[in-house]
Amino acid sequence: MTAARMAGDLLFDVHIKDVTSASAAGEPVEIGRGVIDIPGFLRTLVDLNYAGTAAFEYEKDGKDPLSGLAESVGYVREVLAELTR
């Protein structure tokens, strides 16, 4: 969040993912199930009036990612809806 705020208007592209641990041992999980402060990061993007690309990185279930990716997208949409009310 700090880096995004520092970049400000120079921020054009972000990748969103979540992991079980903020370390090299962290495993990918559906967004909202891990340790990353996704609501805080999305709040930062809203505060910056971010209009660039936000791409999902979903590396779990590589052979059948659809349900986990759909859950992640749903979670982000729900958080953004709450933040922008």
PDB file of N, CA and C in Angstrom:
ATOM      1  N   MET A   1       0.822  -1.178   0.000  1.00  0.00           N
ATOM      2  CA  MET A   1       0.000   0.000   0.000  1.00  0.00           C
ATOM      3  C   MET A   1       0.871   1.249   0.000  1.00  0.00           C
ATOM      4  N   THR A   2       1.939   1.213   0.770  1.00  0.00           N
ATOM      5  CA  THR A   2       2.844   2.352   0.822  1.00  0.00           C
ATOM      6  C   THR A   2       3.476   2.593  -0.544  1.00  0.00           C
ATOM      7  N   ALA A   3       3.914   1.524  -1.195  1.00  0.00           N
ATOM      8  CA  ALA A   3       4.536   1.671  -2.517  1.00  0.00           C
ATOM      9  C   ALA A   3       3.532   2.219  -3.526  1.00  0.00           C
ATOM     10  N   ALA A   4       2.296   1.766  -3.454  1.00  0.00           N
ATOM     11  CA  ALA A   4       1.274   2.270  -4.375  1.00  0.00           C
ATOM     12  C   ALA A   4       1.040   3.754  -4.136  1.00  0.00           C
ATOM     13  N   ARG A   5       0.980   4.164  -2.880  1.00  0.00           N
ATOM     14  CA  ARG A   5       0.787   5.588  -2.573  1.00  0.00           C
ATOM     15  C   ARG A   5       1.978   6.408  -3.058  1.00  0.00           C
ATOM     16  N   MET A   6       3.175   5.870  -2.884  1.00  0.00           N
ATOM     17  CA  MET A   6       4.368   6.583  -3.333  1.00  0.00           C
ATOM     18  C   MET A   6       4.379   6.733  -4.854  1.00  0.00           C
ATOM     19  N   ALA A   7       3.912   5.712  -5.561  1.00  0.00           N
ATOM     20  CA  ALA A   7       3.884   5.766  -7.028  1.00  0.00           C
ATOM     21  C   ALA A   7       2.844   6.760  -7.525  1.00  0.00           C
ATOM     22  N   GLY A   8       1.731   6.841  -6.819  1.00  0.00           N
ATOM     23  CA  GLY A   8       0.687   7.807  -7.166  1.00  0.00           C
ATOM     24  C   GLY A   8       0.273   7.738  -8.619  1.00  0.00           C
ATOM     25  N   ASP A   9       0.396   8.841  -9.331  1.00  0.00           N
ATOM     26  CA  ASP A   9      -0.016   8.928 -10.735  1.00  0.00           C
ATOM     27  C   ASP A   9       0.844   8.085 -11.671  1.00  0.00           C
ATOM     28  N   LEU A  10       1.954   7.579 -11.182  1.00  0.00           N
ATOM     29  CA  LEU A  10       2.826   6.739 -12.005  1.00  0.00           C
ATOM     30  C   LEU A  10       2.422   5.266 -11.963  1.00  0.00           C
ATOM     31  N   LEU A  11       1.410   4.943 -11.186  1.00  0.00           N
ATOM     32  CA  LEU A  11       0.930   3.569 -11.053  1.00  0.00           C
ATOM     33  C   LEU A  11      -0.036   3.270 -12.201  1.00  0.00           C
ATOM     34  N   PHE A  12       0.337   2.344 -13.072  1.00  0.00           N
ATOM     35  CA  PHE A  12      -0.474   2.031 -14.241  1.00  0.00           C
ATOM     36  C   PHE A  12      -0.959   0.590 -14.295  1.00  0.00           C
ATOM     37  N   ASP A  13      -0.333  -0.297 -13.532  1.00  0.00           N
ATOM     38  CA  ASP A  13      -0.647  -1.719 -13.646  1.00  0.00           C
ATOM     39  C   ASP A  13      -0.365  -2.390 -12.315  1.00  0.00           C
ATOM     40  N   VAL A  14      -1.345  -3.120 -11.783  1.00  0.00           N
ATOM     41  CA  VAL A  14      -1.132  -3.881 -10.554  1.00  0.00           C
ATOM     42  C   VAL A  14      -1.593  -5.319 -10.766  1.00  0.00           C
ATOM     43  N   HIS A  15      -0.987  -6.214 -10.035  1.00  0.00           N
ATOM     44  CA  HIS A  15      -1.375  -7.618 -10.025  1.00  0.00           C
ATOM     45  C   HIS A  15      -1.819  -7.939  -8.608  1.00  0.00           C
ATOM     46  N   ILE A  16      -2.977  -8.554  -8.483  1.00  0.00           N
ATOM     47  CA  ILE A  16      -3.555  -8.860  -7.178  1.00  0.00           C
ATOM     48  C   ILE A  16      -3.525 -10.361  -6.962  1.00  0.00           C
ATOM     49  N   LYS A  17      -2.993 -10.761  -5.811  1.00  0.00           N
ATOM     50  CA  LYS A  17      -2.986 -12.173  -5.432  1.00  0.00           C
ATOM     51  C   LYS A  17      -3.018 -12.265  -3.919  1.00  0.00           C
ATOM     52  N   ASP A  18      -3.214 -13.446  -3.404  1.00  0.00           N
ATOM     53  CA  ASP A  18      -3.204 -13.667  -1.956  1.00  0.00           C
ATOM     54  C   ASP A  18      -2.417 -14.945  -1.691  1.00  0.00           C
ATOM     55  N   VAL A  19      -1.805 -15.008  -0.526  1.00  0.00           N
ATOM     56  CA  VAL A  19      -0.961 -16.139  -0.144  1.00  0.00           C
ATOM     57  C   VAL A  19      -1.194 -16.496   1.318  1.00  0.00           C
ATOM     58  N   THR A  20      -0.768 -17.701   1.695  1.00  0.00           N
ATOM     59  CA  THR A  20      -0.966 -18.175   3.067  1.00  0.00           C
ATOM     60  C   THR A  20       0.009 -17.559   4.050  1.00  0.00           C
ATOM     61  N   SER A  21       1.133 -17.050   3.562  1.00  0.00           N
ATOM     62  CA  SER A  21       2.155 -16.470   4.424  1.00  0.00           C
ATOM     63  C   SER A  21       2.947 -15.441   3.632  1.00  0.00           C
ATOM     64  N   ALA A  22       3.325 -14.372   4.310  1.00  0.00           N
ATOM     65  CA  ALA A  22       4.125 -13.334   3.649  1.00  0.00           C
ATOM     66  C   ALA A  22       5.594 -13.720   3.690  1.00  0.00           C
ATOM     67  N   SER A  23       5.890 -14.866   3.106  1.00  0.00           N
ATOM     68  CA  SER A  23       7.256 -15.385   3.065  1.00  0.00           C
ATOM     69  C   SER A  23       7.390 -16.260   1.832  1.00  0.00           C
ATOM     70  N   ALA A  24       8.595 -16.726   1.580  1.00  0.00           N
ATOM     71  CA  ALA A  24       8.819 -17.607   0.429  1.00  0.00           C
ATOM     72  C   ALA A  24       8.028 -18.910   0.551  1.00  0.00           C
ATOM     73  N   ALA A  25       7.648 -19.276   1.766  1.00  0.00           N
ATOM     74  CA  ALA A  25       6.890 -20.501   1.988  1.00  0.00           C
ATOM     75  C   ALA A  25       5.393 -20.318   1.743  1.00  0.00           C
ATOM     76  N   GLY A  26       4.948 -19.071   1.517  1.00  0.00           N
ATOM     77  CA  GLY A  26       3.528 -18.803   1.305  1.00  0.00           C
ATOM     78  C   GLY A  26       3.009 -19.468   0.044  1.00  0.00           C
ATOM     79  N   GLU A  27       1.865 -20.079   0.168  1.00  0.00           N
ATOM     80  CA  GLU A  27       1.226 -20.758  -0.957  1.00  0.00           C
ATOM     81  C   GLU A  27       0.088 -19.884  -1.486  1.00  0.00           C
ATOM     82  N   PRO A  28      -0.156 -19.906  -2.792  1.00  0.00           N
ATOM     83  CA  PRO A  28      -1.258 -19.114  -3.339  1.00  0.00           C
ATOM     84  C   PRO A  28      -2.616 -19.643  -2.877  1.00  0.00           C
ATOM     85  N   VAL A  29      -3.525 -18.729  -2.598  1.00  0.00           N
ATOM     86  CA  VAL A  29      -4.895 -19.076  -2.210  1.00  0.00           C
ATOM     87  C   VAL A  29      -5.855 -18.105  -2.885  1.00  0.00           C
ATOM     88  N   GLU A  30      -7.132 -18.399  -2.781  1.00  0.00           N
ATOM     89  CA  GLU A  30      -8.149 -17.504  -3.298  1.00  0.00           C
ATOM     90  C   GLU A  30      -8.013 -16.155  -2.589  1.00  0.00           C
ATOM     91  N   ILE A  31      -8.231 -15.070  -3.322  1.00  0.00           N
ATOM     92  CA  ILE A  31      -8.124 -13.740  -2.735  1.00  0.00           C
ATOM     93  C   ILE A  31      -9.168 -13.600  -1.638  1.00  0.00           C
ATOM     94  N   GLY A  32      -8.682 -13.140  -0.481  1.00  0.00           N
ATOM     95  CA  GLY A  32      -9.539 -13.002   0.690  1.00  0.00           C
ATOM     96  C   GLY A  32      -9.344 -14.096   1.709  1.00  0.00           C
ATOM     97  N   ARG A  33      -8.666 -15.169   1.337  1.00  0.00           N
ATOM     98  CA  ARG A  33      -8.424 -16.285   2.256  1.00  0.00           C
ATOM     99  C   ARG A  33      -7.015 -16.274   2.843  1.00  0.00           C
ATOM    100  N   GLY A  34      -6.185 -15.371   2.359  1.00  0.00           N
ATOM    101  CA  GLY A  34      -4.789 -15.356   2.788  1.00  0.00           C
ATOM    102  C   GLY A  34      -4.471 -14.222   3.744  1.00  0.00           C
ATOM    103  N   VAL A  35      -3.201 -13.850   3.782  1.00  0.00           N
ATOM    104  CA  VAL A  35      -2.708 -12.873   4.753  1.00  0.00           C
ATOM    105  C   VAL A  35      -2.558 -11.462   4.187  1.00  0.00           C
ATOM    106  N   ILE A  36      -2.728 -11.295   2.881  1.00  0.00           N
ATOM    107  CA  ILE A  36      -2.586  -9.974   2.276  1.00  0.00           C
ATOM    108  C   ILE A  36      -3.803  -9.117   2.652  1.00  0.00           C
ATOM    109  N   ASP A  37      -3.562  -7.864   3.011  1.00  0.00           N
ATOM    110  CA  ASP A  37      -4.646  -6.940   3.357  1.00  0.00           C
ATOM    111  C   ASP A  37      -5.276  -6.415   2.067  1.00  0.00           C
ATOM    112  N   ILE A  38      -6.092  -7.237   1.464  1.00  0.00           N
ATOM    113  CA  ILE A  38      -6.725  -6.885   0.198  1.00  0.00           C
ATOM    114  C   ILE A  38      -7.650  -5.673   0.359  1.00  0.00           C
ATOM    115  N   PRO A  39      -8.511  -5.625   1.384  1.00  0.00           N
ATOM    116  CA  PRO A  39      -9.348  -4.425   1.535  1.00  0.00           C
ATOM    117  C   PRO A  39      -8.512  -3.149   1.686  1.00  0.00           C
ATOM    118  N   GLY A  40      -7.424  -3.211   2.415  1.00  0.00           N
ATOM    119  CA  GLY A  40      -6.559  -2.044   2.572  1.00  0.00           C
ATOM    120  C   GLY A  40      -5.921  -1.633   1.258  1.00  0.00           C
ATOM    121  N   PHE A  41      -5.485  -2.601   0.477  1.00  0.00           N
ATOM    122  CA  PHE A  41      -4.881  -2.297  -0.814  1.00  0.00           C
ATOM    123  C   PHE A  41      -5.912  -1.698  -1.779  1.00  0.00           C
ATOM    124  N   LEU A  42      -7.104  -2.288  -1.793  1.00  0.00           N
ATOM    125  CA  LEU A  42      -8.153  -1.759  -2.660  1.00  0.00           C
ATOM    126  C   LEU A  42      -8.566  -0.360  -2.216  1.00  0.00           C
ATOM    127  N   ARG A  43      -8.585  -0.098  -0.916  1.00  0.00           N
ATOM    128  CA  ARG A  43      -8.872   1.241  -0.404  1.00  0.00           C
ATOM    129  C   ARG A  43      -7.835   2.229  -0.935  1.00  0.00           C
ATOM    130  N   THR A  44      -6.583   1.804  -0.955  1.00  0.00           N
ATOM    131  CA  THR A  44      -5.519   2.652  -1.498  1.00  0.00           C
ATOM    132  C   THR A  44      -5.794   2.982  -2.961  1.00  0.00           C
ATOM    133  N   LEU A  45      -6.164   1.980  -3.749  1.00  0.00           N
ATOM    134  CA  LEU A  45      -6.458   2.221  -5.165  1.00  0.00           C
ATOM    135  C   LEU A  45      -7.636   3.172  -5.335  1.00  0.00           C
ATOM    136  N   VAL A  46      -8.665   2.995  -4.518  1.00  0.00           N
ATOM    137  CA  VAL A  46      -9.827   3.890  -4.576  1.00  0.00           C
ATOM    138  C   VAL A  46      -9.403   5.307  -4.207  1.00  0.00           C
ATOM    139  N   ASP A  47      -8.626   5.443  -3.137  1.00  0.00           N
ATOM    140  CA  ASP A  47      -8.162   6.768  -2.696  1.00  0.00           C
ATOM    141  C   ASP A  47      -7.330   7.472  -3.771  1.00  0.00           C
ATOM    142  N   LEU A  48      -6.581   6.688  -4.539  1.00  0.00           N
ATOM    143  CA  LEU A  48      -5.746   7.246  -5.608  1.00  0.00           C
ATOM    144  C   LEU A  48      -6.529   7.495  -6.895  1.00  0.00           C
ATOM    145  N   ASN A  49      -7.819   7.152  -6.887  1.00  0.00           N
ATOM    146  CA  ASN A  49      -8.618   7.213  -8.120  1.00  0.00           C
ATOM    147  C   ASN A  49      -7.939   6.427  -9.233  1.00  0.00           C
ATOM    148  N   TYR A  50      -7.413   5.277  -8.872  1.00  0.00           N
ATOM    149  CA  TYR A  50      -6.670   4.431  -9.802  1.00  0.00           C
ATOM    150  C   TYR A  50      -7.567   4.003 -10.965  1.00  0.00           C
ATOM    151  N   ALA A  51      -7.108   4.213 -12.183  1.00  0.00           N
ATOM    152  CA  ALA A  51      -7.877   3.854 -13.371  1.00  0.00           C
ATOM    153  C   ALA A  51      -7.097   2.916 -14.290  1.00  0.00           C
ATOM    154  N   GLY A  52      -5.999   2.362 -13.788  1.00  0.00           N
ATOM    155  CA  GLY A  52      -5.188   1.458 -14.597  1.00  0.00           C
ATOM    156  C   GLY A  52      -5.703   0.033 -14.544  1.00  0.00           C
ATOM    157  N   THR A  53      -4.875  -0.873 -14.976  1.00  0.00           N
ATOM    158  CA  THR A  53      -5.211  -2.293 -15.002  1.00  0.00           C
ATOM    159  C   THR A  53      -4.961  -2.926 -13.640  1.00  0.00           C
ATOM    160  N   ALA A  54      -5.880  -3.775 -13.224  1.00  0.00           N
ATOM    161  CA  ALA A  54      -5.699  -4.601 -12.030  1.00  0.00           C
ATOM    162  C   ALA A  54      -5.921  -6.044 -12.465  1.00  0.00           C
ATOM    163  N   ALA A  55      -4.845  -6.793 -12.568  1.00  0.00           N
ATOM    164  CA  ALA A  55      -4.909  -8.176 -13.053  1.00  0.00           C
ATOM    165  C   ALA A  55      -4.862  -9.143 -11.884  1.00  0.00           C
ATOM    166  N   PHE A  56      -5.649 -10.196 -11.972  1.00  0.00           N
ATOM    167  CA  PHE A  56      -5.634 -11.235 -10.952  1.00  0.00           C
ATOM    168  C   PHE A  56      -4.516 -12.215 -11.255  1.00  0.00           C
ATOM    169  N   GLU A  57      -3.746 -12.555 -10.232  1.00  0.00           N
ATOM    170  CA  GLU A  57      -2.770 -13.636 -10.326  1.00  0.00           C
ATOM    171  C   GLU A  57      -3.326 -14.778  -9.500  1.00  0.00           C
ATOM    172  N   TYR A  58      -3.757 -15.813 -10.160  1.00  0.00           N
ATOM    173  CA  TYR A  58      -4.311 -16.962  -9.452  1.00  0.00           C
ATOM    174  C   TYR A  58      -3.527 -18.190  -9.875  1.00  0.00           C
ATOM    175  N   GLU A  59      -2.609 -18.600  -9.026  1.00  0.00           N
ATOM    176  CA  GLU A  59      -1.687 -19.689  -9.359  1.00  0.00           C
ATOM    177  C   GLU A  59      -2.077 -21.020  -8.723  1.00  0.00           C
ATOM    178  N   LYS A  60      -3.108 -21.006  -7.903  1.00  0.00           N
ATOM    179  CA  LYS A  60      -3.581 -22.239  -7.280  1.00  0.00           C
ATOM    180  C   LYS A  60      -4.473 -22.971  -8.290  1.00  0.00           C
ATOM    181  N   ASP A  61      -4.512 -24.271  -8.226  1.00  0.00           N
ATOM    182  CA  ASP A  61      -5.390 -25.070  -9.087  1.00  0.00           C
ATOM    183  C   ASP A  61      -5.149 -24.773 -10.563  1.00  0.00           C
ATOM    184  N   GLY A  62      -3.896 -24.849 -10.980  1.00  0.00           N
ATOM    185  CA  GLY A  62      -3.519 -24.511 -12.348  1.00  0.00           C
ATOM    186  C   GLY A  62      -4.250 -25.279 -13.424  1.00  0.00           C
ATOM    187  N   LYS A  63      -4.678 -26.503 -13.129  1.00  0.00           N
ATOM    188  CA  LYS A  63      -5.362 -27.297 -14.150  1.00  0.00           C
ATOM    189  C   LYS A  63      -6.851 -26.981 -14.226  1.00  0.00           C
ATOM    190  N   ASP A  64      -7.396 -26.362 -13.171  1.00  0.00           N
ATOM    191  CA  ASP A  64      -8.813 -26.020 -13.166  1.00  0.00           C
ATOM    192  C   ASP A  64      -9.029 -24.780 -12.285  1.00  0.00           C
ATOM    193  N   PRO A  65      -8.578 -23.621 -12.768  1.00  0.00           N
ATOM    194  CA  PRO A  65      -8.588 -22.424 -11.927  1.00  0.00           C
ATOM    195  C   PRO A  65      -9.925 -21.681 -11.864  1.00  0.00           C
ATOM    196  N   LEU A  66     -10.908 -22.054 -12.658  1.00  0.00           N
ATOM    197  CA  LEU A  66     -12.102 -21.231 -12.823  1.00  0.00           C
ATOM    198  C   LEU A  66     -12.843 -20.954 -11.515  1.00  0.00           C
ATOM    199  N   SER A  67     -13.107 -21.962 -10.702  1.00  0.00           N
ATOM    200  CA  SER A  67     -13.900 -21.723  -9.492  1.00  0.00           C
ATOM    201  C   SER A  67     -13.141 -20.837  -8.495  1.00  0.00           C
ATOM    202  N   GLY A  68     -11.849 -21.061  -8.328  1.00  0.00           N
ATOM    203  CA  GLY A  68     -11.064 -20.231  -7.410  1.00  0.00           C
ATOM    204  C   GLY A  68     -10.916 -18.808  -7.907  1.00  0.00           C
ATOM    205  N   LEU A  69     -10.747 -18.645  -9.208  1.00  0.00           N
ATOM    206  CA  LEU A  69     -10.665 -17.308  -9.784  1.00  0.00           C
ATOM    207  C   LEU A  69     -12.005 -16.587  -9.644  1.00  0.00           C
ATOM    208  N   ALA A  70     -13.099 -17.303  -9.873  1.00  0.00           N
ATOM    209  CA  ALA A  70     -14.430 -16.709  -9.724  1.00  0.00           C
ATOM    210  C   ALA A  70     -14.661 -16.263  -8.280  1.00  0.00           C
ATOM    211  N   GLU A  71     -14.239 -17.066  -7.319  1.00  0.00           N
ATOM    212  CA  GLU A  71     -14.358 -16.682  -5.914  1.00  0.00           C
ATOM    213  C   GLU A  71     -13.548 -15.416  -5.643  1.00  0.00           C
ATOM    214  N   SER A  72     -12.339 -15.360  -6.180  1.00  0.00           N
ATOM    215  CA  SER A  72     -11.467 -14.201  -5.985  1.00  0.00           C
ATOM    216  C   SER A  72     -12.081 -12.930  -6.577  1.00  0.00           C
ATOM    217  N   VAL A  73     -12.604 -13.039  -7.792  1.00  0.00           N
ATOM    218  CA  VAL A  73     -13.240 -11.892  -8.445  1.00  0.00           C
ATOM    219  C   VAL A  73     -14.456 -11.447  -7.637  1.00  0.00           C
ATOM    220  N   GLY A  74     -15.245 -12.391  -7.170  1.00  0.00           N
ATOM    221  CA  GLY A  74     -16.416 -12.058  -6.364  1.00  0.00           C
ATOM    222  C   GLY A  74     -16.036 -11.339  -5.081  1.00  0.00           C
ATOM    223  N   TYR A  75     -14.981 -11.807  -4.448  1.00  0.00           N
ATOM    224  CA  TYR A  75     -14.526 -11.166  -3.209  1.00  0.00           C
ATOM    225  C   TYR A  75     -14.097  -9.725  -3.477  1.00  0.00           C
ATOM    226  N   VAL A  76     -13.297  -9.511  -4.511  1.00  0.00           N
ATOM    227  CA  VAL A  76     -12.819  -8.162  -4.839  1.00  0.00           C
ATOM    228  C   VAL A  76     -13.993  -7.251  -5.198  1.00  0.00           C
ATOM    229  N   ARG A  77     -14.928  -7.750  -5.964  1.00  0.00           N
ATOM    230  CA  ARG A  77     -16.109  -6.942  -6.313  1.00  0.00           C
ATOM    231  C   ARG A  77     -16.884  -6.540  -5.064  1.00  0.00           C
ATOM    232  N   GLU A  78     -17.041  -7.483  -4.140  1.00  0.00           N
ATOM    233  CA  GLU A  78     -17.768  -7.205  -2.896  1.00  0.00           C
ATOM    234  C   GLU A  78     -17.058  -6.138  -2.069  1.00  0.00           C
ATOM    235  N   VAL A  79     -15.755  -6.264  -1.942  1.00  0.00           N
ATOM    236  CA  VAL A  79     -14.978  -5.275  -1.177  1.00  0.00           C
ATOM    237  C   VAL A  79     -15.061  -3.904  -1.851  1.00  0.00           C
ATOM    238  N   LEU A  80     -14.902  -3.847  -3.170  1.00  0.00           N
ATOM    239  CA  LEU A  80     -14.977  -2.571  -3.881  1.00  0.00           C
ATOM    240  C   LEU A  80     -16.364  -1.938  -3.754  1.00  0.00           C
ATOM    241  N   ALA A  81     -17.401  -2.756  -3.815  1.00  0.00           N
ATOM    242  CA  ALA A  81     -18.755  -2.223  -3.656  1.00  0.00           C
ATOM    243  C   ALA A  81     -18.917  -1.592  -2.278  1.00  0.00           C
ATOM    244  N   GLU A  82     -18.398  -2.240  -1.274  1.00  0.00           N
ATOM    245  CA  GLU A  82     -18.475  -1.703   0.095  1.00  0.00           C
ATOM    246  C   GLU A  82     -17.655  -0.415   0.228  1.00  0.00           C
ATOM    247  N   LEU A  83     -16.480  -0.393  -0.365  1.00  0.00           N
ATOM    248  CA  LEU A  83     -15.610   0.774  -0.255  1.00  0.00           C
ATOM    249  C   LEU A  83     -16.143   1.991  -0.995  1.00  0.00           C
ATOM    250  N   THR A  84     -16.945   1.770  -2.028  1.00  0.00           N
ATOM    251  CA  THR A  84     -17.389   2.880  -2.858  1.00  0.00           C
ATOM    252  C   THR A  84     -18.842   3.275  -2.593  1.00  0.00           C
ATOM    253  N   ARG A  85     -19.425   2.757  -1.542  1.00  0.00           N
ATOM    254  CA  ARG A  85     -20.804   3.144  -1.184  1.00  0.00           C
ATOM    255  C   ARG A  85     -20.814   4.504  -0.582  1.00  0.00           C
TER     256      ARG A  85
END
